[in-house]
């Protein structure tokens, strides 16, 4: 697989899908994230997800508009 997976570290137990997209710098705003998620542009763990408030936990993988990233725990405290 030549696709690069970007790690997105979080400091909380979970992160909502639209917030993860902003944190990964693949959308400019929450409004943009909301519209694209509702159009079915996001895959969470290989399945289309249209819930912008979907909770993502470390280990979850997201594919969005050609970007692939994995939620991970930020171990530095």
PDB file of N, CA and C in Angstrom:
ATOM      1  N   UNK A   1       0.850  -1.175   0.000  1.00  0.00           N
ATOM      2  CA  UNK A   1       0.000   0.000   0.000  1.00  0.00           C
ATOM      3  C   UNK A   1       0.898   1.241   0.000  1.00  0.00           C
ATOM      4  N   UNK A   2       0.712   2.108  -0.986  1.00  0.00           N
ATOM      5  CA  UNK A   2       1.552   3.289  -1.084  1.00  0.00           C
ATOM      6  C   UNK A   2       0.920   4.493  -0.398  1.00  0.00           C
ATOM      7  N   UNK A   3      -0.335   4.356   0.044  1.00  0.00           N
ATOM      8  CA  UNK A   3      -1.023   5.464   0.695  1.00  0.00           C
ATOM      9  C   UNK A   3      -0.423   5.722   2.066  1.00  0.00           C
ATOM     10  N   UNK A   4      -0.131   6.990   2.340  1.00  0.00           N
ATOM     11  CA  UNK A   4       0.454   7.361   3.630  1.00  0.00           C
ATOM     12  C   UNK A   4      -0.661   7.607   4.641  1.00  0.00           C
ATOM     13  N   UNK A   5      -0.525   7.007   5.801  1.00  0.00           N
ATOM     14  CA  UNK A   5      -1.499   7.206   6.871  1.00  0.00           C
ATOM     15  C   UNK A   5      -0.920   8.207   7.856  1.00  0.00           C
ATOM     16  N   UNK A   6      -1.664   9.281   8.075  1.00  0.00           N
ATOM     17  CA  UNK A   6      -1.256  10.327   9.011  1.00  0.00           C
ATOM     18  C   UNK A   6      -1.820  10.002  10.387  1.00  0.00           C
ATOM     19  N   UNK A   7      -0.978  10.056  11.416  1.00  0.00           N
ATOM     20  CA  UNK A   7      -1.458   9.879  12.782  1.00  0.00           C
ATOM     21  C   UNK A   7      -2.012  11.200  13.282  1.00  0.00           C
ATOM     22  N   UNK A   8      -3.171  11.143  13.924  1.00  0.00           N
ATOM     23  CA  UNK A   8      -3.777  12.327  14.529  1.00  0.00           C
ATOM     24  C   UNK A   8      -3.878  12.060  16.029  1.00  0.00           C
ATOM     25  N   UNK A   9      -2.937  12.623  16.809  1.00  0.00           N
ATOM     26  CA  UNK A   9      -2.944  12.379  18.248  1.00  0.00           C
ATOM     27  C   UNK A   9      -3.997  13.212  18.973  1.00  0.00           C
ATOM     28  N   UNK A  10      -4.701  12.586  19.903  1.00  0.00           N
ATOM     29  CA  UNK A  10      -5.695  13.287  20.714  1.00  0.00           C
ATOM     30  C   UNK A  10      -5.306  13.160  22.187  1.00  0.00           C
ATOM     31  N   UNK A  11      -5.707  14.149  22.982  1.00  0.00           N
ATOM     32  CA  UNK A  11      -5.371  14.140  24.405  1.00  0.00           C
ATOM     33  C   UNK A  11      -6.576  13.783  25.272  1.00  0.00           C
ATOM     34  N   UNK A  12      -7.701  13.500  24.623  1.00  0.00           N
ATOM     35  CA  UNK A  12      -8.925  13.140  25.336  1.00  0.00           C
ATOM     36  C   UNK A  12      -9.269  11.688  25.022  1.00  0.00           C
ATOM     37  N   UNK A  13     -10.318  11.177  25.657  1.00  0.00           N
ATOM     38  CA  UNK A  13     -10.726   9.780  25.441  1.00  0.00           C
ATOM     39  C   UNK A  13     -11.183   9.551  24.005  1.00  0.00           C
ATOM     40  N   UNK A  14     -11.882  10.550  23.435  1.00  0.00           N
ATOM     41  CA  UNK A  14     -12.378  10.441  22.065  1.00  0.00           C
ATOM     42  C   UNK A  14     -12.395  11.825  21.428  1.00  0.00           C
ATOM     43  N   UNK A  15     -12.625  11.867  20.127  1.00  0.00           N
ATOM     44  CA  UNK A  15     -12.790  13.116  19.395  1.00  0.00           C
ATOM     45  C   UNK A  15     -13.916  12.914  18.395  1.00  0.00           C
ATOM     46  N   UNK A  16     -14.708  13.944  18.182  1.00  0.00           N
ATOM     47  CA  UNK A  16     -15.799  13.844  17.219  1.00  0.00           C
ATOM     48  C   UNK A  16     -15.232  13.946  15.800  1.00  0.00           C
ATOM     49  N   UNK A  17     -15.901  13.294  14.871  1.00  0.00           N
ATOM     50  CA  UNK A  17     -15.423  13.217  13.495  1.00  0.00           C
ATOM     51  C   UNK A  17     -15.132  14.591  12.910  1.00  0.00           C
ATOM     52  N   UNK A  18     -16.062  15.548  13.034  1.00  0.00           N
ATOM     53  CA  UNK A  18     -15.814  16.852  12.427  1.00  0.00           C
ATOM     54  C   UNK A  18     -14.606  17.549  13.059  1.00  0.00           C
ATOM     55  N   UNK A  19     -14.400  17.354  14.363  1.00  0.00           N
ATOM     56  CA  UNK A  19     -13.233  17.942  15.031  1.00  0.00           C
ATOM     57  C   UNK A  19     -11.949  17.266  14.574  1.00  0.00           C
ATOM     58  N   UNK A  20     -12.018  15.959  14.348  1.00  0.00           N
ATOM     59  CA  UNK A  20     -10.841  15.230  13.863  1.00  0.00           C
ATOM     60  C   UNK A  20     -10.427  15.723  12.478  1.00  0.00           C
ATOM     61  N   UNK A  21     -11.406  16.015  11.627  1.00  0.00           N
ATOM     62  CA  UNK A  21     -11.098  16.510  10.284  1.00  0.00           C
ATOM     63  C   UNK A  21     -10.413  17.877  10.364  1.00  0.00           C
ATOM     64  N   UNK A  22     -10.868  18.713  11.293  1.00  0.00           N
ATOM     65  CA  UNK A  22     -10.224  20.023  11.472  1.00  0.00           C
ATOM     66  C   UNK A  22      -8.815  19.848  12.041  1.00  0.00           C
ATOM     67  N   UNK A  23      -8.676  18.961  13.020  1.00  0.00           N
ATOM     68  CA  UNK A  23      -7.370  18.722  13.640  1.00  0.00           C
ATOM     69  C   UNK A  23      -6.366  18.171  12.631  1.00  0.00           C
ATOM     70  N   UNK A  24      -6.848  17.361  11.703  1.00  0.00           N
ATOM     71  CA  UNK A  24      -5.981  16.778  10.673  1.00  0.00           C
ATOM     72  C   UNK A  24      -5.715  17.757   9.521  1.00  0.00           C
ATOM     73  N   UNK A  25      -6.295  18.943   9.612  1.00  0.00           N
ATOM     74  CA  UNK A  25      -6.118  19.992   8.590  1.00  0.00           C
ATOM     75  C   UNK A  25      -6.592  19.563   7.201  1.00  0.00           C
ATOM     76  N   UNK A  26      -7.713  18.834   7.130  1.00  0.00           N
ATOM     77  CA  UNK A  26      -8.263  18.450   5.827  1.00  0.00           C
ATOM     78  C   UNK A  26      -9.517  19.249   5.478  1.00  0.00           C
ATOM     79  N   UNK A  27     -10.001  20.078   6.440  1.00  0.00           N
ATOM     80  CA  UNK A  27     -11.086  21.025   6.167  1.00  0.00           C
ATOM     81  C   UNK A  27     -10.714  22.354   6.815  1.00  0.00           C
ATOM     82  N   UNK A  28     -11.322  23.419   6.317  1.00  0.00           N
ATOM     83  CA  UNK A  28     -11.043  24.745   6.854  1.00  0.00           C
ATOM     84  C   UNK A  28     -11.949  25.122   8.010  1.00  0.00           C
ATOM     85  N   UNK A  29     -13.163  24.566   8.037  1.00  0.00           N
ATOM     86  CA  UNK A  29     -14.120  24.971   9.063  1.00  0.00           C
ATOM     87  C   UNK A  29     -15.048  23.819   9.430  1.00  0.00           C
ATOM     88  N   UNK A  30     -15.738  24.007  10.548  1.00  0.00           N
ATOM     89  CA  UNK A  30     -16.723  23.020  10.959  1.00  0.00           C
ATOM     90  C   UNK A  30     -17.878  22.928   9.973  1.00  0.00           C
ATOM     91  N   UNK A  31     -18.244  24.059   9.375  1.00  0.00           N
ATOM     92  CA  UNK A  31     -19.326  24.061   8.387  1.00  0.00           C
ATOM     93  C   UNK A  31     -18.973  23.240   7.162  1.00  0.00           C
ATOM     94  N   UNK A  32     -17.725  23.379   6.715  1.00  0.00           N
ATOM     95  CA  UNK A  32     -17.265  22.584   5.574  1.00  0.00           C
ATOM     96  C   UNK A  32     -17.270  21.107   5.931  1.00  0.00           C
ATOM     97  N   UNK A  33     -16.785  20.780   7.131  1.00  0.00           N
ATOM     98  CA  UNK A  33     -16.753  19.390   7.586  1.00  0.00           C
ATOM     99  C   UNK A  33     -18.169  18.823   7.633  1.00  0.00           C
ATOM    100  N   UNK A  34     -19.106  19.585   8.208  1.00  0.00           N
ATOM    101  CA  UNK A  34     -20.497  19.129   8.332  1.00  0.00           C
ATOM    102  C   UNK A  34     -21.082  18.781   6.967  1.00  0.00           C
ATOM    103  N   UNK A  35     -20.929  19.690   6.011  1.00  0.00           N
ATOM    104  CA  UNK A  35     -21.511  19.478   4.679  1.00  0.00           C
ATOM    105  C   UNK A  35     -20.919  18.244   4.005  1.00  0.00           C
ATOM    106  N   UNK A  36     -19.603  18.106   4.048  1.00  0.00           N
ATOM    107  CA  UNK A  36     -18.951  16.987   3.370  1.00  0.00           C
ATOM    108  C   UNK A  36     -19.241  15.650   4.051  1.00  0.00           C
ATOM    109  N   UNK A  37     -19.326  15.651   5.373  1.00  0.00           N
ATOM    110  CA  UNK A  37     -19.664  14.423   6.105  1.00  0.00           C
ATOM    111  C   UNK A  37     -21.087  13.994   5.742  1.00  0.00           C
ATOM    112  N   UNK A  38     -22.012  14.944   5.729  1.00  0.00           N
ATOM    113  CA  UNK A  38     -23.405  14.617   5.423  1.00  0.00           C
ATOM    114  C   UNK A  38     -23.583  14.148   3.977  1.00  0.00           C
ATOM    115  N   UNK A  39     -22.644  14.516   3.099  1.00  0.00           N
ATOM    116  CA  UNK A  39     -22.680  14.056   1.711  1.00  0.00           C
ATOM    117  C   UNK A  39     -22.074  12.666   1.555  1.00  0.00           C
ATOM    118  N   UNK A  40     -21.571  12.098   2.672  1.00  0.00           N
ATOM    119  CA  UNK A  40     -21.021  10.745   2.629  1.00  0.00           C
ATOM    120  C   UNK A  40     -19.566  10.679   2.201  1.00  0.00           C
ATOM    121  N   UNK A  41     -18.824  11.770   2.385  1.00  0.00           N
ATOM    122  CA  UNK A  41     -17.419  11.812   1.954  1.00  0.00           C
ATOM    123  C   UNK A  41     -16.455  11.173   2.956  1.00  0.00           C
ATOM    124  N   UNK A  42     -16.934  10.840   4.151  1.00  0.00           N
ATOM    125  CA  UNK A  42     -16.044  10.293   5.190  1.00  0.00           C
ATOM    126  C   UNK A  42     -16.277   8.795   5.382  1.00  0.00           C
ATOM    127  N   UNK A  43     -15.186   8.059   5.441  1.00  0.00           N
ATOM    128  CA  UNK A  43     -15.235   6.643   5.796  1.00  0.00           C
ATOM    129  C   UNK A  43     -14.580   6.489   7.168  1.00  0.00           C
ATOM    130  N   UNK A  44     -15.263   5.817   8.070  1.00  0.00           N
ATOM    131  CA  UNK A  44     -14.705   5.530   9.383  1.00  0.00           C
ATOM    132  C   UNK A  44     -14.567   4.022   9.481  1.00  0.00           C
ATOM    133  N   UNK A  45     -13.343   3.560   9.646  1.00  0.00           N
ATOM    134  CA  UNK A  45     -13.052   2.131   9.707  1.00  0.00           C
ATOM    135  C   UNK A  45     -13.645   1.393   8.502  1.00  0.00           C
ATOM    136  N   UNK A  46     -13.540   2.042   7.330  1.00  0.00           N
ATOM    137  CA  UNK A  46     -13.945   1.415   6.089  1.00  0.00           C
ATOM    138  C   UNK A  46     -15.417   1.538   5.728  1.00  0.00           C
ATOM    139  N   UNK A  47     -16.217   2.190   6.578  1.00  0.00           N
ATOM    140  CA  UNK A  47     -17.646   2.331   6.316  1.00  0.00           C
ATOM    141  C   UNK A  47     -18.023   3.801   6.219  1.00  0.00           C
ATOM    142  N   UNK A  48     -18.922   4.121   5.272  1.00  0.00           N
ATOM    143  CA  UNK A  48     -19.381   5.502   5.123  1.00  0.00           C
ATOM    144  C   UNK A  48     -20.031   5.961   6.420  1.00  0.00           C
ATOM    145  N   UNK A  49     -19.664   7.161   6.870  1.00  0.00           N
ATOM    146  CA  UNK A  49     -20.243   7.726   8.094  1.00  0.00           C
ATOM    147  C   UNK A  49     -20.766   9.118   7.774  1.00  0.00           C
ATOM    148  N   UNK A  50     -22.046   9.350   8.042  1.00  0.00           N
ATOM    149  CA  UNK A  50     -22.638  10.659   7.792  1.00  0.00           C
ATOM    150  C   UNK A  50     -22.955  11.395   9.089  1.00  0.00           C
ATOM    151  N   UNK A  51     -22.460  10.876  10.215  1.00  0.00           N
ATOM    152  CA  UNK A  51     -22.683  11.517  11.519  1.00  0.00           C
ATOM    153  C   UNK A  51     -21.456  12.346  11.889  1.00  0.00           C
ATOM    154  N   UNK A  52     -21.602  13.672  11.837  1.00  0.00           N
ATOM    155  CA  UNK A  52     -20.442  14.516  12.127  1.00  0.00           C
ATOM    156  C   UNK A  52     -20.017  14.408  13.592  1.00  0.00           C
ATOM    157  N   UNK A  53     -20.943  14.015  14.465  1.00  0.00           N
ATOM    158  CA  UNK A  53     -20.629  13.872  15.879  1.00  0.00           C
ATOM    159  C   UNK A  53     -20.152  12.477  16.253  1.00  0.00           C
ATOM    160  N   UNK A  54     -19.892  11.637  15.252  1.00  0.00           N
ATOM    161  CA  UNK A  54     -19.400  10.274  15.502  1.00  0.00           C
ATOM    162  C   UNK A  54     -18.165  10.331  16.385  1.00  0.00           C
ATOM    163  N   UNK A  55     -18.178   9.585  17.472  1.00  0.00           N
ATOM    164  CA  UNK A  55     -17.029   9.567  18.383  1.00  0.00           C
ATOM    165  C   UNK A  55     -15.955   8.639  17.835  1.00  0.00           C
ATOM    166  N   UNK A  56     -14.744   9.163  17.748  1.00  0.00           N
ATOM    167  CA  UNK A  56     -13.596   8.382  17.288  1.00  0.00           C
ATOM    168  C   UNK A  56     -12.651   8.168  18.461  1.00  0.00           C
ATOM    169  N   UNK A  57     -12.151   6.961  18.567  1.00  0.00           N
ATOM    170  CA  UNK A  57     -11.248   6.579  19.652  1.00  0.00           C
ATOM    171  C   UNK A  57      -9.901   6.172  19.059  1.00  0.00           C
ATOM    172  N   UNK A  58      -8.844   6.176  19.881  1.00  0.00           N
ATOM    173  CA  UNK A  58      -7.546   5.717  19.366  1.00  0.00           C
ATOM    174  C   UNK A  58      -7.678   4.358  18.686  1.00  0.00           C
ATOM    175  N   UNK A  59      -7.095   4.259  17.507  1.00  0.00           N
ATOM    176  CA  UNK A  59      -7.172   3.038  16.710  1.00  0.00           C
ATOM    177  C   UNK A  59      -8.140   3.160  15.549  1.00  0.00           C
ATOM    178  N   UNK A  60      -9.099   4.103  15.645  1.00  0.00           N
ATOM    179  CA  UNK A  60     -10.036   4.305  14.542  1.00  0.00           C
ATOM    180  C   UNK A  60      -9.312   4.931  13.354  1.00  0.00           C
ATOM    181  N   UNK A  61      -9.720   4.525  12.152  1.00  0.00           N
ATOM    182  CA  UNK A  61      -9.126   5.050  10.923  1.00  0.00           C
ATOM    183  C   UNK A  61     -10.183   5.784  10.115  1.00  0.00           C
ATOM    184  N   UNK A  62      -9.772   6.897   9.518  1.00  0.00           N
ATOM    185  CA  UNK A  62     -10.677   7.739   8.736  1.00  0.00           C
ATOM    186  C   UNK A  62     -10.087   7.954   7.351  1.00  0.00           C
ATOM    187  N   UNK A  63     -10.935   7.836   6.342  1.00  0.00           N
ATOM    188  CA  UNK A  63     -10.560   8.199   4.976  1.00  0.00           C
ATOM    189  C   UNK A  63     -11.486   9.330   4.568  1.00  0.00           C
ATOM    190  N   UNK A  64     -10.892  10.398   4.031  1.00  0.00           N
ATOM    191  CA  UNK A  64     -11.679  11.577   3.697  1.00  0.00           C
ATOM    192  C   UNK A  64     -11.027  12.326   2.554  1.00  0.00           C
ATOM    193  N   UNK A  65     -11.722  12.403   1.430  1.00  0.00           N
ATOM    194  CA  UNK A  65     -11.270  13.194   0.286  1.00  0.00           C
ATOM    195  C   UNK A  65      -9.805  12.883  -0.094  1.00  0.00           C
ATOM    196  N   UNK A  66      -9.461  11.603  -0.130  1.00  0.00           N
ATOM    197  CA  UNK A  66      -8.117  11.195  -0.512  1.00  0.00           C
ATOM    198  C   UNK A  66      -7.104  11.194   0.615  1.00  0.00           C
ATOM    199  N   UNK A  67      -7.518  11.584   1.808  1.00  0.00           N
ATOM    200  CA  UNK A  67      -6.635  11.579   2.981  1.00  0.00           C
ATOM    201  C   UNK A  67      -6.982  10.375   3.850  1.00  0.00           C
ATOM    202  N   UNK A  68      -5.969   9.791   4.462  1.00  0.00           N
ATOM    203  CA  UNK A  68      -6.166   8.618   5.316  1.00  0.00           C
ATOM    204  C   UNK A  68      -5.439   8.889   6.620  1.00  0.00           C
ATOM    205  N   UNK A  69      -6.172   8.866   7.719  1.00  0.00           N
ATOM    206  CA  UNK A  69      -5.504   9.082   8.990  1.00  0.00           C
ATOM    207  C   UNK A  69      -6.062   8.182  10.083  1.00  0.00           C
ATOM    208  N   UNK A  70      -5.243   8.046  11.115  1.00  0.00           N
ATOM    209  CA  UNK A  70      -5.562   7.146  12.229  1.00  0.00           C
ATOM    210  C   UNK A  70      -5.526   7.958  13.519  1.00  0.00           C
ATOM    211  N   UNK A  71      -6.562   7.790  14.332  1.00  0.00           N
ATOM    212  CA  UNK A  71      -6.618   8.451  15.622  1.00  0.00           C
ATOM    213  C   UNK A  71      -5.693   7.691  16.584  1.00  0.00           C
ATOM    214  N   UNK A  72      -4.863   8.429  17.294  1.00  0.00           N
ATOM    215  CA  UNK A  72      -3.967   7.782  18.272  1.00  0.00           C
ATOM    216  C   UNK A  72      -3.925   8.623  19.542  1.00  0.00           C
ATOM    217  N   UNK A  73      -3.576   7.975  20.634  1.00  0.00           N
ATOM    218  CA  UNK A  73      -3.465   8.670  21.915  1.00  0.00           C
ATOM    219  C   UNK A  73      -2.161   9.455  21.941  1.00  0.00           C
ATOM    220  N   UNK A  74      -2.243  10.687  22.417  1.00  0.00           N
ATOM    221  CA  UNK A  74      -1.050  11.507  22.591  1.00  0.00           C
ATOM    222  C   UNK A  74      -0.446  11.144  23.942  1.00  0.00           C
ATOM    223  N   UNK A  75       0.659  10.455  23.899  1.00  0.00           N
ATOM    224  CA  UNK A  75       1.277   9.925  25.123  1.00  0.00           C
ATOM    225  C   UNK A  75       2.031  10.979  25.916  1.00  0.00           C
ATOM    226  N   UNK A  76       2.379  12.112  25.315  1.00  0.00           N
ATOM    227  CA  UNK A  76       3.137  13.136  26.044  1.00  0.00           C
ATOM    228  C   UNK A  76       2.192  13.932  26.922  1.00  0.00           C
ATOM    229  N   UNK A  77       2.575  14.081  28.182  1.00  0.00           N
ATOM    230  CA  UNK A  77       1.710  14.793  29.145  1.00  0.00           C
ATOM    231  C   UNK A  77       2.481  15.878  29.818  1.00  0.00           C
TER     232      UNK A  77
END
